[in-house]
Amino acid sequence: MSLPNNISSSEQLEPCYILKLLGYYLLFIWLIGTILNGYLSYTFIRYKNLRQSSTNIFIFGLILTDFCGALCVTPLPAVALVECRWIFTYVSCVISAIIAYFTGCSNIYVLCLISIDRYIVLTRMSTTPVISVKHAYISILCVYLLALFWSLLPIIGWSNYDYEGVGASCSVKWEERSLNVTSYNITIFIFVYLIPVIIIIIMNLKSFRVIRERRHRSRINFNESYCQRQYLIECGFLLAWSPYAIISIIRAFIYDKYFPPILGTIPALFAKTSVVWNPLVYVVRNGNIYYNLRYSRSYHIKERDKISDTPRHSTQPISTVQLPLTSISSSRDS
C-alpha cells in the first residue's frame, strides 16, 4: 500500500493549521495521560494494600491499558498531525492501530467487570470479598486475551487495517462493503460495543436503585449527588468512545458515499481522551489512592509502616470502603 505524502489530499483541502491544532491537542493528551497513568501504575505496584480487593485489581487493569494506550498510541498520530503529513511507515500505523484497538476493547470489558463487581458489593454489603483476588486477576487476563483476539483478527485475514480520516492514524476498515469486512464489523459492533454497553447500563441502573433504597437504612450517607456522580463516572468512558462508535457505524452500514475525512478523525481523537479521563474519575477521586499518592511523596515505606495503625484514610480495599468516602467528605463539608 502506498503511503500518503500529505494527510489531507488536495481534494479535501483540510487546512494545515487545523491539523496542527489537533496534533498539539493530542500531544497534550499523550503527556498528561502517560504521566498520570504511569504514576498511578507505580502507586498500585508499590502499595500492596491497593491490590487486596477485586475492584482495585480491575481498576489497576484499566490503568495499565490506559498507560499502554497513552504511551504507544497517541505519539504517532500527534506528530503526523503537527507535520501535516504521515512521516512513518504503514506497518507502524497498523501496530499503533492494534494497540489502540486492544486498549479500547480491554477497557470496555474491564468496565463491565467493575460495574458487575460494584453491584455485587452493594447487594452483599459485607467486608468479606465476594470476588477473590485470584479470580480478579484471572478475569483481567481473560479480558486481555479476548481484546487481543479481536485486535489481531484483521491481521490474519478477517477485515484489515487501513488509514482513517485525514490519514493520521489507522483503524479497521469501515467503508468497504465486502462480506469479509462487513461480517467483521457487525461482529465487533455486537460483542465489543453493544453487549458491553448493555451490561454496564443494566448494572449501573441496578446499583443506582440499591443505593437509593439503602441510603436511609444504612449508616452510610447515600445522597443524590453521590448517586449521580457514580452513574456519570461509569459512563465517562462511553461518552468518550460513543461518538467514534456512532461515526464508524454510519460509515460501515448506513452512508456509503463521500464522508468528510475530518469527521473520521475528530471522534477518534476525542476517544483518546479516555486515557486521561479514566484515571481521574476512577482513581484520583478515591480517598485511598489519593492518600497514597500524597504519602509516597513525603515518606519512605518503613515510615509508612510505623504509622499504619492510624491512617488518615482506611487502607481496606476500595470495594468495601469506596462508599463511605462520600459520607466522610460530606461530614467535613458540613
C-alpha atoms as a PDB file:
ATOM      1  CA  MET A   1       0.000   0.000   0.000  1.00  0.00           C
ATOM      2  CA  SER A   2       1.326   3.424  -0.913  1.00  0.00           C
ATOM      3  CA  LEU A   3       1.812   5.900   1.882  1.00  0.00           C
ATOM      4  CA  PRO A   4       0.042   9.266   1.877  1.00  0.00           C
ATOM      5  CA  ASN A   5       2.533  12.067   1.366  1.00  0.00           C
ATOM      6  CA  ASN A   6       0.047  14.537   2.781  1.00  0.00           C
ATOM      7  CA  ILE A   7      -2.565  13.836   5.393  1.00  0.00           C
ATOM      8  CA  SER A   8      -5.132  15.936   3.586  1.00  0.00           C
ATOM      9  CA  SER A   9      -5.388  15.305  -0.113  1.00  0.00           C
ATOM     10  CA  SER A  10      -5.735  18.212  -2.489  1.00  0.00           C
ATOM     11  CA  GLU A  11      -9.434  17.422  -2.958  1.00  0.00           C
ATOM     12  CA  GLN A  12     -10.320  17.629   0.733  1.00  0.00           C
ATOM     13  CA  LEU A  13      -8.217  20.721   1.474  1.00  0.00           C
ATOM     14  CA  GLU A  14      -8.222  20.493   5.266  1.00  0.00           C
ATOM     15  CA  PRO A  15      -6.143  23.485   6.370  1.00  0.00           C
ATOM     16  CA  CYS A  16      -2.808  22.540   7.857  1.00  0.00           C
ATOM     17  CA  TYR A  17      -3.306  24.860  10.823  1.00  0.00           C
ATOM     18  CA  ILE A  18      -6.372  22.856  11.880  1.00  0.00           C
ATOM     19  CA  LEU A  19      -4.372  19.646  11.732  1.00  0.00           C
ATOM     20  CA  LYS A  20      -1.613  21.264  13.781  1.00  0.00           C
ATOM     21  CA  LEU A  21      -4.111  22.294  16.466  1.00  0.00           C
ATOM     22  CA  LEU A  22      -5.400  18.724  16.617  1.00  0.00           C
ATOM     23  CA  GLY A  23      -1.822  17.495  16.825  1.00  0.00           C
ATOM     24  CA  TYR A  24      -0.962  19.773  19.746  1.00  0.00           C
ATOM     25  CA  TYR A  25      -4.140  18.664  21.486  1.00  0.00           C
ATOM     26  CA  LEU A  26      -3.080  15.044  21.057  1.00  0.00           C
ATOM     27  CA  LEU A  27       0.425  15.799  22.323  1.00  0.00           C
ATOM     28  CA  PHE A  28      -1.164  17.245  25.455  1.00  0.00           C
ATOM     29  CA  ILE A  29      -3.244  14.079  25.888  1.00  0.00           C
ATOM     30  CA  TRP A  30      -0.100  11.987  25.405  1.00  0.00           C
ATOM     31  CA  LEU A  31       1.863  13.946  28.022  1.00  0.00           C
ATOM     32  CA  ILE A  32      -0.855  14.057  30.698  1.00  0.00           C
ATOM     33  CA  GLY A  33      -2.064  10.508  30.042  1.00  0.00           C
ATOM     34  CA  THR A  34       1.413   8.997  30.202  1.00  0.00           C
ATOM     35  CA  ILE A  35       2.418  10.832  33.379  1.00  0.00           C
ATOM     36  CA  LEU A  36      -0.857  10.280  35.212  1.00  0.00           C
ATOM     37  CA  ASN A  37      -1.329   6.630  34.289  1.00  0.00           C
ATOM     38  CA  GLY A  38       2.355   5.889  34.814  1.00  0.00           C
ATOM     39  CA  TYR A  39       2.347   7.426  38.269  1.00  0.00           C
ATOM     40  CA  LEU A  40      -0.841   5.612  39.237  1.00  0.00           C
ATOM     41  CA  SER A  41       0.527   2.312  37.926  1.00  0.00           C
ATOM     42  CA  TYR A  42       3.630   2.836  40.043  1.00  0.00           C
ATOM     43  CA  THR A  43       1.430   3.534  43.079  1.00  0.00           C
ATOM     44  CA  PHE A  44      -0.559   0.341  42.550  1.00  0.00           C
ATOM     45  CA  ILE A  45       2.624  -1.698  42.204  1.00  0.00           C
ATOM     46  CA  ARG A  46       4.353  -0.126  45.197  1.00  0.00           C
ATOM     47  CA  TYR A  47       1.492  -0.321  47.706  1.00  0.00           C
ATOM     48  CA  LYS A  48       0.305  -3.868  48.197  1.00  0.00           C
ATOM     49  CA  ASN A  49      -2.746  -2.752  50.175  1.00  0.00           C
ATOM     50  CA  LEU A  50      -4.173  -1.294  46.963  1.00  0.00           C
ATOM     51  CA  ARG A  51      -4.186  -4.747  45.378  1.00  0.00           C
ATOM     52  CA  GLN A  52      -6.188  -6.553  48.030  1.00  0.00           C
ATOM     53  CA  SER A  53      -9.654  -6.287  46.501  1.00  0.00           C
ATOM     54  CA  SER A  54     -11.203  -7.271  43.202  1.00  0.00           C
ATOM     55  CA  THR A  55     -12.323  -3.722  42.431  1.00  0.00           C
ATOM     56  CA  ASN A  56      -8.810  -2.351  42.893  1.00  0.00           C
ATOM     57  CA  ILE A  57      -7.387  -5.031  40.624  1.00  0.00           C
ATOM     58  CA  PHE A  58      -9.944  -4.210  37.937  1.00  0.00           C
ATOM     59  CA  ILE A  59      -9.042  -0.529  38.214  1.00  0.00           C
ATOM     60  CA  PHE A  60      -5.355  -1.462  38.059  1.00  0.00           C
ATOM     61  CA  GLY A  61      -6.062  -3.342  34.832  1.00  0.00           C
ATOM     62  CA  LEU A  62      -7.816  -0.265  33.482  1.00  0.00           C
ATOM     63  CA  ILE A  63      -4.885   1.974  34.371  1.00  0.00           C
ATOM     64  CA  LEU A  64      -2.328  -0.365  32.776  1.00  0.00           C
ATOM     65  CA  THR A  65      -4.144  -0.422  29.443  1.00  0.00           C
ATOM     66  CA  ASP A  66      -4.583   3.352  29.555  1.00  0.00           C
ATOM     67  CA  PHE A  67      -0.866   3.743  30.216  1.00  0.00           C
ATOM     68  CA  CYS A  68      -0.100   1.493  27.260  1.00  0.00           C
ATOM     69  CA  GLY A  69      -2.507   3.446  25.070  1.00  0.00           C
ATOM     70  CA  ALA A  70      -1.217   6.853  26.117  1.00  0.00           C
ATOM     71  CA  LEU A  71       2.426   5.871  25.732  1.00  0.00           C
ATOM     72  CA  CYS A  72       2.258   3.897  22.477  1.00  0.00           C
ATOM     73  CA  VAL A  73      -0.805   5.063  20.531  1.00  0.00           C
ATOM     74  CA  THR A  74      -1.001   8.850  20.716  1.00  0.00           C
ATOM     75  CA  PRO A  75       2.561   9.927  19.719  1.00  0.00           C
ATOM     76  CA  LEU A  76       2.450   8.822  16.065  1.00  0.00           C
ATOM     77  CA  PRO A  77      -0.828  10.498  15.038  1.00  0.00           C
ATOM     78  CA  ALA A  78       0.124  13.563  17.099  1.00  0.00           C
ATOM     79  CA  VAL A  79       3.398  14.010  15.213  1.00  0.00           C
ATOM     80  CA  ALA A  80       1.697  13.286  11.880  1.00  0.00           C
ATOM     81  CA  LEU A  81      -0.925  15.958  12.544  1.00  0.00           C
ATOM     82  CA  VAL A  82       1.681  18.519  13.574  1.00  0.00           C
ATOM     83  CA  GLU A  83       3.701  17.748  10.418  1.00  0.00           C
ATOM     84  CA  CYS A  84       0.505  17.731   8.307  1.00  0.00           C
ATOM     85  CA  ARG A  85       1.685  14.517   6.683  1.00  0.00           C
ATOM     86  CA  TRP A  86       2.283  10.885   7.597  1.00  0.00           C
ATOM     87  CA  ILE A  87       6.034  10.528   8.132  1.00  0.00           C
ATOM     88  CA  PHE A  88       6.055   6.928   9.379  1.00  0.00           C
ATOM     89  CA  THR A  89       5.622   3.553   7.690  1.00  0.00           C
ATOM     90  CA  TYR A  90       2.353   1.761   7.069  1.00  0.00           C
ATOM     91  CA  VAL A  91       3.476  -1.031   9.409  1.00  0.00           C
ATOM     92  CA  SER A  92       3.903   1.447  12.267  1.00  0.00           C
ATOM     93  CA  CYS A  93       0.402   2.747  11.587  1.00  0.00           C
ATOM     94  CA  VAL A  94      -1.016  -0.781  11.795  1.00  0.00           C
ATOM     95  CA  ILE A  95       0.875  -1.552  15.009  1.00  0.00           C
ATOM     96  CA  SER A  96      -0.456   1.658  16.535  1.00  0.00           C
ATOM     97  CA  ALA A  97      -3.976   0.690  15.456  1.00  0.00           C
ATOM     98  CA  ILE A  98      -3.645  -2.765  17.031  1.00  0.00           C
ATOM     99  CA  ILE A  99      -2.565  -1.257  20.349  1.00  0.00           C
ATOM    100  CA  ALA A 100      -5.358   1.319  20.218  1.00  0.00           C
ATOM    101  CA  TYR A 101      -7.918  -1.355  19.403  1.00  0.00           C
ATOM    102  CA  PHE A 102      -6.591  -3.602  22.164  1.00  0.00           C
ATOM    103  CA  THR A 103      -6.771  -0.730  24.660  1.00  0.00           C
ATOM    104  CA  GLY A 104     -10.342   0.173  23.750  1.00  0.00           C
ATOM    105  CA  CYS A 105     -11.576  -3.421  23.855  1.00  0.00           C
ATOM    106  CA  SER A 106      -9.817  -4.107  27.147  1.00  0.00           C
ATOM    107  CA  ASN A 107     -11.213  -1.005  28.798  1.00  0.00           C
ATOM    108  CA  ILE A 108     -14.826  -1.586  27.902  1.00  0.00           C
ATOM    109  CA  TYR A 109     -14.622  -5.192  29.120  1.00  0.00           C
ATOM    110  CA  VAL A 110     -12.925  -4.105  32.353  1.00  0.00           C
ATOM    111  CA  LEU A 111     -15.675  -1.530  32.867  1.00  0.00           C
ATOM    112  CA  CYS A 112     -18.151  -4.390  32.651  1.00  0.00           C
ATOM    113  CA  LEU A 113     -16.239  -6.198  35.387  1.00  0.00           C
ATOM    114  CA  ILE A 114     -16.180  -3.069  37.543  1.00  0.00           C
ATOM    115  CA  SER A 115     -19.908  -2.452  37.167  1.00  0.00           C
ATOM    116  CA  ILE A 116     -20.718  -6.082  38.000  1.00  0.00           C
ATOM    117  CA  ASP A 117     -18.329  -6.068  40.959  1.00  0.00           C
ATOM    118  CA  ARG A 118     -19.830  -2.848  42.327  1.00  0.00           C
ATOM    119  CA  TYR A 119     -23.349  -4.250  42.127  1.00  0.00           C
ATOM    120  CA  ILE A 120     -22.298  -7.445  43.935  1.00  0.00           C
ATOM    121  CA  VAL A 121     -20.612  -5.417  46.676  1.00  0.00           C
ATOM    122  CA  LEU A 122     -23.675  -3.209  47.104  1.00  0.00           C
ATOM    123  CA  THR A 123     -26.054  -6.147  47.372  1.00  0.00           C
ATOM    124  CA  ARG A 124     -23.851  -8.115  49.781  1.00  0.00           C
ATOM    125  CA  MET A 125     -22.738  -5.147  51.942  1.00  0.00           C
ATOM    126  CA  SER A 126     -20.093  -7.347  53.533  1.00  0.00           C
ATOM    127  CA  THR A 127     -16.443  -6.788  54.389  1.00  0.00           C
ATOM    128  CA  THR A 128     -15.662 -10.275  53.102  1.00  0.00           C
ATOM    129  CA  PRO A 129     -14.536 -10.113  49.452  1.00  0.00           C
ATOM    130  CA  VAL A 130     -17.145 -11.619  47.143  1.00  0.00           C
ATOM    131  CA  ILE A 131     -14.774 -11.940  44.195  1.00  0.00           C
ATOM    132  CA  SER A 132     -11.384 -13.207  45.299  1.00  0.00           C
ATOM    133  CA  VAL A 133      -8.147 -11.537  44.267  1.00  0.00           C
ATOM    134  CA  LYS A 134      -7.124 -14.644  42.344  1.00  0.00           C
ATOM    135  CA  HIS A 135     -10.369 -14.670  40.365  1.00  0.00           C
ATOM    136  CA  ALA A 136      -9.991 -10.953  39.684  1.00  0.00           C
ATOM    137  CA  TYR A 137      -6.545 -11.485  38.159  1.00  0.00           C
ATOM    138  CA  ILE A 138      -7.883 -14.371  36.079  1.00  0.00           C
ATOM    139  CA  SER A 139     -10.751 -12.164  34.880  1.00  0.00           C
ATOM    140  CA  ILE A 140      -8.326  -9.420  33.840  1.00  0.00           C
ATOM    141  CA  LEU A 141      -6.185 -11.959  31.977  1.00  0.00           C
ATOM    142  CA  CYS A 142      -9.247 -13.283  30.133  1.00  0.00           C
ATOM    143  CA  VAL A 143     -10.248  -9.736  29.210  1.00  0.00           C
ATOM    144  CA  TYR A 144      -6.789  -9.011  27.816  1.00  0.00           C
ATOM    145  CA  LEU A 145      -6.775 -12.228  25.790  1.00  0.00           C
ATOM    146  CA  LEU A 146     -10.239 -11.508  24.389  1.00  0.00           C
ATOM    147  CA  ALA A 147      -9.230  -7.960  23.447  1.00  0.00           C
ATOM    148  CA  LEU A 148      -6.055  -9.279  21.811  1.00  0.00           C
ATOM    149  CA  PHE A 149      -8.143 -11.800  19.885  1.00  0.00           C
ATOM    150  CA  TRP A 150     -10.378  -9.106  18.379  1.00  0.00           C
ATOM    151  CA  SER A 151      -7.469  -6.800  17.576  1.00  0.00           C
ATOM    152  CA  LEU A 152      -5.420  -9.491  15.791  1.00  0.00           C
ATOM    153  CA  LEU A 153      -8.217 -10.867  13.610  1.00  0.00           C
ATOM    154  CA  PRO A 154      -7.714  -8.231  10.859  1.00  0.00           C
ATOM    155  CA  ILE A 155      -4.045  -9.244  10.681  1.00  0.00           C
ATOM    156  CA  ILE A 156      -4.899 -12.857   9.877  1.00  0.00           C
ATOM    157  CA  GLY A 157      -7.419 -12.012   7.166  1.00  0.00           C
ATOM    158  CA  TRP A 158     -10.798 -11.142   8.691  1.00  0.00           C
ATOM    159  CA  SER A 159     -11.100  -7.489   7.631  1.00  0.00           C
ATOM    160  CA  ASN A 160      -7.948  -5.361   7.607  1.00  0.00           C
ATOM    161  CA  TYR A 161      -6.390  -2.192   8.983  1.00  0.00           C
ATOM    162  CA  ASP A 162      -6.174   0.946   6.866  1.00  0.00           C
ATOM    163  CA  TYR A 163      -5.695   4.697   7.182  1.00  0.00           C
ATOM    164  CA  GLU A 164      -8.731   6.510   8.544  1.00  0.00           C
ATOM    165  CA  GLY A 165      -9.960  10.084   8.419  1.00  0.00           C
ATOM    166  CA  VAL A 166      -7.310  12.521   7.259  1.00  0.00           C
ATOM    167  CA  GLY A 167      -4.702   9.751   7.345  1.00  0.00           C
ATOM    168  CA  ALA A 168      -3.166  10.495  10.735  1.00  0.00           C
ATOM    169  CA  SER A 169      -3.962   7.057  12.148  1.00  0.00           C
ATOM    170  CA  CYS A 170      -5.160   3.606  11.184  1.00  0.00           C
ATOM    171  CA  SER A 171      -8.211   1.577  12.161  1.00  0.00           C
ATOM    172  CA  VAL A 172     -10.183  -1.378  10.921  1.00  0.00           C
ATOM    173  CA  LYS A 173     -11.733  -0.888   7.515  1.00  0.00           C
ATOM    174  CA  TRP A 174     -15.182   0.673   7.867  1.00  0.00           C
ATOM    175  CA  GLU A 175     -16.343   1.771   4.404  1.00  0.00           C
ATOM    176  CA  GLU A 176     -15.739  -1.400   2.406  1.00  0.00           C
ATOM    177  CA  ARG A 177     -18.919  -3.384   1.707  1.00  0.00           C
ATOM    178  CA  SER A 178     -17.372  -6.809   1.067  1.00  0.00           C
ATOM    179  CA  LEU A 179     -18.653  -9.794   3.034  1.00  0.00           C
ATOM    180  CA  ASN A 180     -15.291 -10.178   4.749  1.00  0.00           C
ATOM    181  CA  VAL A 181     -15.236  -6.633   6.122  1.00  0.00           C
ATOM    182  CA  THR A 182     -18.957  -6.259   6.797  1.00  0.00           C
ATOM    183  CA  SER A 183     -19.212  -9.513   8.749  1.00  0.00           C
ATOM    184  CA  TYR A 184     -16.315  -8.462  10.960  1.00  0.00           C
ATOM    185  CA  ASN A 185     -17.788  -5.004  11.564  1.00  0.00           C
ATOM    186  CA  ILE A 186     -21.137  -6.496  12.570  1.00  0.00           C
ATOM    187  CA  THR A 187     -19.454  -8.967  14.899  1.00  0.00           C
ATOM    188  CA  ILE A 188     -17.333  -6.408  16.734  1.00  0.00           C
ATOM    189  CA  PHE A 189     -20.248  -3.996  16.977  1.00  0.00           C
ATOM    190  CA  ILE A 190     -22.250  -6.651  18.809  1.00  0.00           C
ATOM    191  CA  PHE A 191     -19.557  -8.206  21.001  1.00  0.00           C
ATOM    192  CA  VAL A 192     -17.211  -5.262  21.585  1.00  0.00           C
ATOM    193  CA  TYR A 193     -19.701  -2.412  21.897  1.00  0.00           C
ATOM    194  CA  LEU A 194     -23.392  -3.316  22.114  1.00  0.00           C
ATOM    195  CA  ILE A 195     -23.304  -6.167  24.650  1.00  0.00           C
ATOM    196  CA  PRO A 196     -20.776  -4.469  26.992  1.00  0.00           C
ATOM    197  CA  VAL A 197     -22.739  -1.209  26.887  1.00  0.00           C
ATOM    198  CA  ILE A 198     -25.968  -3.027  27.755  1.00  0.00           C
ATOM    199  CA  ILE A 199     -24.274  -4.796  30.672  1.00  0.00           C
ATOM    200  CA  ILE A 200     -22.786  -1.552  32.000  1.00  0.00           C
ATOM    201  CA  ILE A 201     -26.108   0.295  31.767  1.00  0.00           C
ATOM    202  CA  ILE A 202     -28.072  -2.502  33.444  1.00  0.00           C
ATOM    203  CA  MET A 203     -25.550  -2.898  36.263  1.00  0.00           C
ATOM    204  CA  ASN A 204     -25.449   0.855  36.846  1.00  0.00           C
ATOM    205  CA  LEU A 205     -29.221   1.106  36.985  1.00  0.00           C
ATOM    206  CA  LYS A 206     -29.366  -1.789  39.432  1.00  0.00           C
ATOM    207  CA  SER A 207     -26.624  -0.259  41.579  1.00  0.00           C
ATOM    208  CA  PHE A 208     -28.333   3.117  41.498  1.00  0.00           C
ATOM    209  CA  ARG A 209     -31.577   1.542  42.693  1.00  0.00           C
ATOM    210  CA  VAL A 210     -29.845  -0.350  45.517  1.00  0.00           C
ATOM    211  CA  ILE A 211     -28.144   2.835  46.702  1.00  0.00           C
ATOM    212  CA  ARG A 212     -31.424   4.740  46.651  1.00  0.00           C
ATOM    213  CA  GLU A 213     -33.153   2.028  48.656  1.00  0.00           C
ATOM    214  CA  ARG A 214     -30.445   1.691  51.284  1.00  0.00           C
ATOM    215  CA  ARG A 215     -29.348   5.257  51.865  1.00  0.00           C
ATOM    216  CA  HIS A 216     -31.880   5.758  54.675  1.00  0.00           C
ATOM    217  CA  ARG A 217     -31.392   2.330  56.234  1.00  0.00           C
ATOM    218  CA  SER A 218     -27.601   2.329  56.366  1.00  0.00           C
ATOM    219  CA  ARG A 219     -25.064   4.222  58.408  1.00  0.00           C
ATOM    220  CA  ILE A 220     -23.598   5.302  55.082  1.00  0.00           C
ATOM    221  CA  ASN A 221     -24.950   8.583  53.784  1.00  0.00           C
ATOM    222  CA  PHE A 222     -26.095   7.832  50.261  1.00  0.00           C
ATOM    223  CA  ASN A 223     -27.078  11.208  48.833  1.00  0.00           C
ATOM    224  CA  GLU A 224     -28.386  12.118  45.411  1.00  0.00           C
ATOM    225  CA  SER A 225     -25.210  13.851  44.288  1.00  0.00           C
ATOM    226  CA  TYR A 226     -23.189  10.726  45.065  1.00  0.00           C
ATOM    227  CA  CYS A 227     -25.573   8.534  43.050  1.00  0.00           C
ATOM    228  CA  GLN A 228     -25.431  10.866  40.088  1.00  0.00           C
ATOM    229  CA  ARG A 229     -21.658  11.138  40.279  1.00  0.00           C
ATOM    230  CA  GLN A 230     -21.217   7.365  40.289  1.00  0.00           C
ATOM    231  CA  TYR A 231     -23.506   6.999  37.289  1.00  0.00           C
ATOM    232  CA  LEU A 232     -21.646   9.708  35.364  1.00  0.00           C
ATOM    233  CA  ILE A 233     -18.274   8.214  36.276  1.00  0.00           C
ATOM    234  CA  GLU A 234     -19.288   4.824  34.884  1.00  0.00           C
ATOM    235  CA  CYS A 235     -20.491   6.495  31.678  1.00  0.00           C
ATOM    236  CA  GLY A 236     -17.343   8.586  31.217  1.00  0.00           C
ATOM    237  CA  PHE A 237     -15.597   6.045  29.039  1.00  0.00           C
ATOM    238  CA  LEU A 238     -18.732   5.531  26.956  1.00  0.00           C
ATOM    239  CA  LEU A 239     -19.074   9.264  26.392  1.00  0.00           C
ATOM    240  CA  ALA A 240     -15.506   9.373  25.105  1.00  0.00           C
ATOM    241  CA  TRP A 241     -15.877   6.425  22.739  1.00  0.00           C
ATOM    242  CA  SER A 242     -19.530   6.614  21.642  1.00  0.00           C
ATOM    243  CA  PRO A 243     -19.027   9.420  19.058  1.00  0.00           C
ATOM    244  CA  TYR A 244     -16.359   7.325  17.352  1.00  0.00           C
ATOM    245  CA  ALA A 245     -18.557   4.221  17.534  1.00  0.00           C
ATOM    246  CA  ILE A 246     -21.534   6.083  16.039  1.00  0.00           C
ATOM    247  CA  ILE A 247     -19.486   7.559  13.197  1.00  0.00           C
ATOM    248  CA  SER A 248     -17.983   4.137  12.485  1.00  0.00           C
ATOM    249  CA  ILE A 249     -21.438   2.528  12.366  1.00  0.00           C
ATOM    250  CA  ILE A 250     -22.649   5.205   9.958  1.00  0.00           C
ATOM    251  CA  ARG A 251     -19.631   4.693   7.720  1.00  0.00           C
ATOM    252  CA  ALA A 252     -19.903   0.908   7.850  1.00  0.00           C
ATOM    253  CA  PHE A 253     -23.630   0.287   7.465  1.00  0.00           C
ATOM    254  CA  ILE A 254     -25.591   3.433   6.603  1.00  0.00           C
ATOM    255  CA  TYR A 255     -23.823   6.030   4.494  1.00  0.00           C
ATOM    256  CA  ASP A 256     -21.617   4.639   1.731  1.00  0.00           C
ATOM    257  CA  LYS A 257     -20.958   7.858  -0.176  1.00  0.00           C
ATOM    258  CA  TYR A 258     -18.303  10.513   0.342  1.00  0.00           C
ATOM    259  CA  PHE A 259     -17.571  11.090   4.024  1.00  0.00           C
ATOM    260  CA  PRO A 260     -15.520  14.144   5.093  1.00  0.00           C
ATOM    261  CA  PRO A 261     -12.176  12.810   6.349  1.00  0.00           C
ATOM    262  CA  ILE A 262     -12.047  15.279   9.226  1.00  0.00           C
ATOM    263  CA  LEU A 263     -15.262  13.738  10.612  1.00  0.00           C
ATOM    264  CA  GLY A 264     -13.484  10.421  10.812  1.00  0.00           C
ATOM    265  CA  THR A 265     -10.517  11.927  12.643  1.00  0.00           C
ATOM    266  CA  ILE A 266     -12.053  14.178  15.308  1.00  0.00           C
ATOM    267  CA  PRO A 267     -14.131  11.415  17.019  1.00  0.00           C
ATOM    268  CA  ALA A 268     -11.058   9.161  17.031  1.00  0.00           C
ATOM    269  CA  LEU A 269      -9.015  11.884  18.721  1.00  0.00           C
ATOM    270  CA  PHE A 270     -11.804  12.583  21.212  1.00  0.00           C
ATOM    271  CA  ALA A 271     -11.910   8.891  22.130  1.00  0.00           C
ATOM    272  CA  LYS A 272      -8.265   9.102  23.142  1.00  0.00           C
ATOM    273  CA  THR A 273      -9.215  11.477  25.969  1.00  0.00           C
ATOM    274  CA  SER A 274     -10.335   8.366  27.856  1.00  0.00           C
ATOM    275  CA  VAL A 275      -6.684   7.697  28.774  1.00  0.00           C
ATOM    276  CA  VAL A 276      -6.856  10.868  30.885  1.00  0.00           C
ATOM    277  CA  TRP A 277     -10.494  10.625  31.909  1.00  0.00           C
ATOM    278  CA  ASN A 278     -10.354   7.123  33.339  1.00  0.00           C
ATOM    279  CA  PRO A 279      -7.605   7.621  35.953  1.00  0.00           C
ATOM    280  CA  LEU A 280      -9.069  10.942  37.038  1.00  0.00           C
ATOM    281  CA  VAL A 281     -12.580   9.725  37.738  1.00  0.00           C
ATOM    282  CA  TYR A 282     -11.849   6.166  38.848  1.00  0.00           C
ATOM    283  CA  VAL A 283      -8.732   6.573  40.949  1.00  0.00           C
ATOM    284  CA  VAL A 284      -7.698  10.089  41.938  1.00  0.00           C
ATOM    285  CA  ARG A 285     -11.163  10.881  43.348  1.00  0.00           C
ATOM    286  CA  ASN A 286     -10.945   7.859  45.646  1.00  0.00           C
ATOM    287  CA  GLY A 287      -9.565   8.647  49.078  1.00  0.00           C
ATOM    288  CA  ASN A 288      -7.445   5.505  49.431  1.00  0.00           C
ATOM    289  CA  ILE A 289      -5.344   6.031  46.337  1.00  0.00           C
ATOM    290  CA  TYR A 290      -5.260   9.810  46.588  1.00  0.00           C
ATOM    291  CA  TYR A 291      -3.859   9.428  50.098  1.00  0.00           C
ATOM    292  CA  ASN A 292      -1.152   7.015  48.914  1.00  0.00           C
ATOM    293  CA  LEU A 293      -0.222   9.371  46.080  1.00  0.00           C
ATOM    294  CA  ARG A 294       0.390  12.176  48.569  1.00  0.00           C
ATOM    295  CA  TYR A 295       2.006   9.865  51.083  1.00  0.00           C
ATOM    296  CA  SER A 296       4.519   8.460  48.621  1.00  0.00           C
ATOM    297  CA  ARG A 297       5.984  11.905  48.075  1.00  0.00           C
ATOM    298  CA  SER A 298       6.700  12.510  51.771  1.00  0.00           C
ATOM    299  CA  TYR A 299       7.622   9.260  53.495  1.00  0.00           C
ATOM    300  CA  HIS A 300       9.588   6.094  52.938  1.00  0.00           C
ATOM    301  CA  ILE A 301       7.888   2.721  53.129  1.00  0.00           C
ATOM    302  CA  LYS A 302       9.322   1.951  56.575  1.00  0.00           C
ATOM    303  CA  GLU A 303       7.976   5.204  57.968  1.00  0.00           C
ATOM    304  CA  ARG A 304       4.575   4.426  56.488  1.00  0.00           C
ATOM    305  CA  ASP A 305       4.564   1.010  58.175  1.00  0.00           C
ATOM    306  CA  LYS A 306       5.231   2.592  61.573  1.00  0.00           C
ATOM    307  CA  ILE A 307       2.083   4.697  61.447  1.00  0.00           C
ATOM    308  CA  SER A 308      -0.075   2.200  59.573  1.00  0.00           C
ATOM    309  CA  ASP A 309      -2.239   1.763  62.677  1.00  0.00           C
ATOM    310  CA  THR A 310      -3.629   5.281  62.343  1.00  0.00           C
ATOM    311  CA  PRO A 311      -4.000   6.132  58.655  1.00  0.00           C
ATOM    312  CA  ARG A 312      -5.837   9.226  57.519  1.00  0.00           C
ATOM    313  CA  HIS A 313      -7.821   7.062  55.136  1.00  0.00           C
ATOM    314  CA  SER A 314      -8.784   3.447  55.503  1.00  0.00           C
ATOM    315  CA  THR A 315      -6.432   1.007  53.829  1.00  0.00           C
ATOM    316  CA  GLN A 316      -9.180  -1.516  53.263  1.00  0.00           C
ATOM    317  CA  PRO A 317      -9.990  -2.490  49.685  1.00  0.00           C
ATOM    318  CA  ILE A 318     -11.898   0.066  47.661  1.00  0.00           C
ATOM    319  CA  SER A 319     -14.764  -2.366  47.171  1.00  0.00           C
ATOM    320  CA  THR A 320     -15.576  -2.213  50.880  1.00  0.00           C
ATOM    321  CA  VAL A 321     -14.752   1.402  51.715  1.00  0.00           C
ATOM    322  CA  GLN A 322     -15.418   3.163  48.453  1.00  0.00           C
ATOM    323  CA  LEU A 323     -18.907   4.160  49.505  1.00  0.00           C
ATOM    324  CA  PRO A 324     -18.192   5.635  52.961  1.00  0.00           C
ATOM    325  CA  LEU A 325     -15.725   8.100  51.450  1.00  0.00           C
ATOM    326  CA  THR A 326     -18.662  10.222  50.338  1.00  0.00           C
ATOM    327  CA  SER A 327     -20.102  10.417  53.802  1.00  0.00           C
ATOM    328  CA  ILE A 328     -16.686  11.366  55.171  1.00  0.00           C
ATOM    329  CA  SER A 329     -16.364  14.223  52.712  1.00  0.00           C
ATOM    330  CA  SER A 330     -19.969  15.267  53.343  1.00  0.00           C
ATOM    331  CA  SER A 331     -19.456  15.464  57.083  1.00  0.00           C
ATOM    332  CA  ARG A 332     -16.331  17.553  56.601  1.00  0.00           C
ATOM    333  CA  ASP A 333     -18.184  19.956  54.336  1.00  0.00           C
ATOM    334  CA  SER A 334     -20.943  20.376  56.886  1.00  0.00           C
END
